[in-house]
């Protein structure tokens, strides 16, 4: 769960916010090399805390033999400046920060490391408010996942949808449910929201 300082006033979200999120996520295709950070003595020994909105364990590789792990969304990872620089030099990890799936516990680190803080940190509350205010949950899903083109979000948002429904935070009408399940299904692997939730529970039990 995001720290209080990262939470969005979800009461102010409206339909246009979907376009903002879609724009935020679609822009991830344009990634730049992380620039070296000039470290002064005051912050050289600082500890940077990183949290995750992803499910289960998140392993970030510092090199071929060394990984650091965020156990779950209740955990936070403590790193030093040089380790964060290594992580942000990798495009796939930098993209997760841009999507709000990984985030700094203290907002000051966004500007320090030359990152734009996402407008939305994708907590349960923010996603539930966005989907509940959308005219169509299905169309909102397509907008947020860039019509299914964002692999990391397609591996996250559908499970989150199923969890929000299961936990009573979101209701999906029958037409949207059918459209979503067709959108997520392939010829070889049909998908249902109930099945996604069962798969999620199984994954969490085995992490």
Protein backbone atom coordinates (compact mmCIF):
# COMPACT_ATOMS: atom_id res chain seq x y z
CA UNK A 1 0.00 0.00 0.00
CA UNK A 2 1.33 3.43 -0.88
CA UNK A 3 2.52 5.75 1.86
CA UNK A 4 0.09 8.53 2.73
CA UNK A 5 2.16 11.17 0.99
CA UNK A 6 1.87 9.23 -2.29
CA UNK A 7 -1.91 8.86 -2.19
CA UNK A 8 -4.06 10.71 -4.71
CA UNK A 9 -7.24 12.54 -3.75
CA UNK A 10 -9.38 10.06 -5.64
CA UNK A 11 -12.51 12.14 -5.12
CA UNK A 12 -11.16 14.52 -7.78
CA UNK A 13 -10.65 11.87 -10.46
CA UNK A 14 -12.96 12.00 -13.47
CA UNK A 15 -13.28 10.44 -16.92
CA UNK A 16 -10.44 12.55 -18.31
CA UNK A 17 -8.07 10.92 -15.85
CA UNK A 18 -8.19 7.74 -17.95
CA UNK A 19 -6.69 9.67 -20.85
CA UNK A 20 -4.00 11.04 -18.56
CA UNK A 21 -3.12 7.54 -17.34
CA UNK A 22 -3.18 6.12 -20.87
CA UNK A 23 -0.84 8.90 -21.98
CA UNK A 24 1.44 8.26 -18.99
CA UNK A 25 1.65 4.56 -19.77
CA UNK A 26 1.87 4.84 -23.55
CA UNK A 27 4.87 7.16 -23.20
CA UNK A 28 6.90 4.34 -21.69
CA UNK A 29 8.00 3.23 -25.12
CA UNK A 30 10.32 6.23 -25.16
CA UNK A 31 12.98 5.40 -22.60
CA UNK A 32 16.27 7.19 -22.10
CA UNK A 33 19.52 6.03 -20.57
CA UNK A 34 19.75 6.88 -16.89
CA UNK A 35 22.12 9.83 -16.45
CA UNK A 36 24.90 9.65 -13.85
CA UNK A 37 23.84 11.27 -10.60
CA UNK A 38 26.18 13.72 -8.93
CA UNK A 39 26.32 12.60 -5.32
CA UNK A 40 27.34 15.07 -2.67
CA UNK A 41 28.59 14.03 0.74
CA UNK A 42 25.30 14.90 2.47
CA UNK A 43 23.39 12.19 0.65
CA UNK A 44 26.12 9.70 -0.22
CA UNK A 45 25.23 7.50 2.74
CA UNK A 46 21.46 8.01 2.51
CA UNK A 47 19.13 5.03 2.50
CA UNK A 48 16.53 4.99 -0.30
CA UNK A 49 13.34 3.04 0.34
CA UNK A 50 11.46 1.50 -2.60
CA UNK A 51 7.98 -0.05 -2.41
CA UNK A 52 5.95 -2.12 -4.83
CA UNK A 53 2.33 -2.33 -6.02
CA UNK A 54 3.05 -5.62 -7.81
CA UNK A 55 1.91 -9.00 -6.53
CA UNK A 56 4.17 -11.17 -4.46
CA UNK A 57 7.95 -11.13 -4.55
CA UNK A 58 9.73 -8.64 -6.81
CA UNK A 59 13.37 -9.46 -7.55
CA UNK A 60 15.58 -6.71 -8.96
CA UNK A 61 18.94 -7.76 -10.38
CA UNK A 62 21.92 -5.57 -9.54
CA UNK A 63 24.18 -7.82 -11.60
CA UNK A 64 24.13 -11.37 -12.93
CA UNK A 65 24.67 -12.85 -9.47
CA UNK A 66 23.12 -10.33 -7.11
CA UNK A 67 19.42 -9.67 -6.61
CA UNK A 68 17.53 -7.57 -4.11
CA UNK A 69 13.98 -8.51 -3.20
CA UNK A 70 10.77 -6.73 -2.21
CA UNK A 71 8.79 -9.46 -0.47
CA UNK A 72 5.31 -8.01 -1.14
CA UNK A 73 3.34 -4.75 -1.24
CA UNK A 74 3.67 -4.36 2.55
CA UNK A 75 7.45 -4.56 2.36
CA UNK A 76 9.95 -1.87 1.47
CA UNK A 77 13.42 -2.32 0.07
CA UNK A 78 16.33 -0.30 1.46
CA UNK A 79 19.10 0.54 -1.00
CA UNK A 80 22.02 2.91 -1.17
CA UNK A 81 22.46 5.55 -3.88
CA UNK A 82 24.77 3.46 -6.06
CA UNK A 83 22.37 0.49 -6.03
CA UNK A 84 19.44 2.67 -7.09
CA UNK A 85 21.55 4.05 -9.94
CA UNK A 86 22.21 0.49 -11.13
CA UNK A 87 18.50 -0.36 -11.03
CA UNK A 88 17.49 2.82 -12.89
CA UNK A 89 20.08 2.13 -15.59
CA UNK A 90 17.93 -0.82 -16.65
CA UNK A 91 15.04 0.22 -18.90
CA UNK A 92 12.64 -2.47 -17.67
CA UNK A 93 12.98 -1.35 -14.05
CA UNK A 94 12.83 2.34 -14.92
CA UNK A 95 9.56 1.65 -16.72
CA UNK A 96 8.05 0.17 -13.55
CA UNK A 97 8.74 3.45 -11.74
CA UNK A 98 7.16 5.40 -14.60
CA UNK A 99 4.07 3.21 -14.34
CA UNK A 100 3.77 3.65 -10.58
CA UNK A 101 4.24 -0.08 -10.00
CA UNK A 102 7.48 0.58 -8.14
CA UNK A 103 7.76 3.84 -6.23
CA UNK A 104 9.95 5.72 -3.79
CA UNK A 105 8.77 5.95 -0.19
CA UNK A 106 9.94 9.58 -0.17
CA UNK A 107 8.99 11.81 -3.10
CA UNK A 108 12.30 13.72 -2.98
CA UNK A 109 14.06 10.84 -4.72
CA UNK A 110 12.13 11.35 -7.97
CA UNK A 111 13.79 14.69 -8.65
CA UNK A 112 17.09 13.52 -7.19
CA UNK A 113 17.32 10.64 -9.68
CA UNK A 114 15.90 12.69 -12.56
CA UNK A 115 12.54 10.89 -12.75
CA UNK A 116 9.08 12.34 -13.17
CA UNK A 117 6.79 11.10 -10.43
CA UNK A 118 3.74 9.44 -12.04
CA UNK A 119 0.51 11.35 -11.54
CA UNK A 120 -1.01 8.14 -10.19
CA UNK A 121 0.54 5.55 -7.91
CA UNK A 122 -1.63 2.54 -8.78
CA UNK A 123 -2.91 1.59 -5.34
CA UNK A 124 -6.13 -0.39 -4.85
CA UNK A 125 -8.03 2.77 -3.91
CA UNK A 126 -6.91 4.73 -6.97
CA UNK A 127 -7.65 1.88 -9.39
CA UNK A 128 -11.05 1.21 -7.83
CA UNK A 129 -12.01 4.88 -8.12
CA UNK A 130 -10.85 5.08 -11.74
CA UNK A 131 -12.74 1.96 -12.80
CA UNK A 132 -15.86 2.85 -10.80
CA UNK A 133 -16.06 6.29 -12.43
CA UNK A 134 -15.45 4.99 -15.96
CA UNK A 135 -18.42 4.68 -18.31
CA UNK A 136 -17.06 1.24 -19.25
CA UNK A 137 -14.66 -0.83 -17.15
CA UNK A 138 -13.63 -2.64 -20.33
CA UNK A 139 -12.72 0.60 -22.12
CA UNK A 140 -10.85 1.78 -19.02
CA UNK A 141 -8.86 -1.46 -18.98
CA UNK A 142 -7.89 -0.97 -22.63
CA UNK A 143 -6.89 2.66 -22.00
CA UNK A 144 -4.77 1.90 -18.95
CA UNK A 145 -2.97 -1.03 -20.62
CA UNK A 146 -2.47 0.83 -23.92
CA UNK A 147 -4.89 -1.59 -25.63
CA UNK A 148 -3.03 -4.56 -24.20
CA UNK A 149 0.38 -3.45 -25.50
CA UNK A 150 1.96 -2.93 -22.07
CA UNK A 151 3.15 -6.37 -20.99
CA UNK A 152 3.91 -5.40 -17.39
CA UNK A 153 0.47 -3.86 -16.91
CA UNK A 154 -1.28 -6.75 -18.63
CA UNK A 155 0.40 -8.99 -16.05
CA UNK A 156 -0.89 -6.75 -13.25
CA UNK A 157 -4.15 -4.90 -14.01
CA UNK A 158 -6.36 -7.93 -14.90
CA UNK A 159 -5.46 -9.64 -11.62
CA UNK A 160 -6.10 -6.38 -9.79
CA UNK A 161 -9.52 -6.13 -11.46
CA UNK A 162 -10.41 -9.63 -10.30
CA UNK A 163 -9.24 -8.84 -6.77
CA UNK A 164 -11.19 -5.56 -6.62
CA UNK A 165 -14.35 -7.38 -7.69
CA UNK A 166 -13.77 -10.20 -5.20
CA UNK A 167 -13.18 -7.71 -2.37
CA UNK A 168 -16.33 -5.74 -3.16
CA UNK A 169 -14.48 -2.59 -4.28
CA UNK A 170 -15.70 -2.80 -7.88
CA UNK A 171 -18.79 -4.03 -9.70
CA UNK A 172 -18.60 -4.96 -13.38
CA UNK A 173 -21.73 -5.30 -15.50
CA UNK A 174 -22.25 -8.45 -17.53
CA UNK A 175 -21.39 -6.88 -20.90
CA UNK A 176 -18.12 -5.44 -19.59
CA UNK A 177 -17.28 -8.77 -17.98
CA UNK A 178 -17.77 -10.63 -21.27
CA UNK A 179 -15.75 -8.02 -23.18
CA UNK A 180 -12.93 -8.16 -20.64
CA UNK A 181 -12.79 -11.94 -20.68
CA UNK A 182 -12.71 -11.99 -24.51
CA UNK A 183 -9.99 -9.32 -24.47
CA UNK A 184 -7.83 -11.41 -22.12
CA UNK A 185 -8.51 -14.80 -23.70
CA UNK A 186 -6.70 -16.57 -26.51
CA UNK A 187 -7.85 -19.51 -28.62
CA UNK A 188 -5.78 -21.86 -26.48
CA UNK A 189 -6.44 -20.23 -23.10
CA UNK A 190 -9.88 -18.83 -22.26
CA UNK A 191 -9.85 -16.44 -19.31
CA UNK A 192 -12.51 -15.59 -16.72
CA UNK A 193 -12.28 -13.03 -13.90
CA UNK A 194 -13.13 -15.76 -11.38
CA UNK A 195 -10.33 -17.89 -12.81
CA UNK A 196 -7.88 -15.00 -12.56
CA UNK A 197 -8.65 -14.54 -8.89
CA UNK A 198 -8.18 -18.27 -8.20
CA UNK A 199 -4.86 -18.19 -10.06
CA UNK A 200 -3.80 -15.12 -8.09
CA UNK A 201 -4.63 -16.83 -4.80
CA UNK A 202 -2.63 -19.87 -5.86
CA UNK A 203 0.37 -17.75 -6.83
CA UNK A 204 0.33 -15.85 -3.55
CA UNK A 205 0.08 -19.08 -1.59
CA UNK A 206 3.20 -20.40 -3.30
CA UNK A 207 5.35 -17.25 -3.13
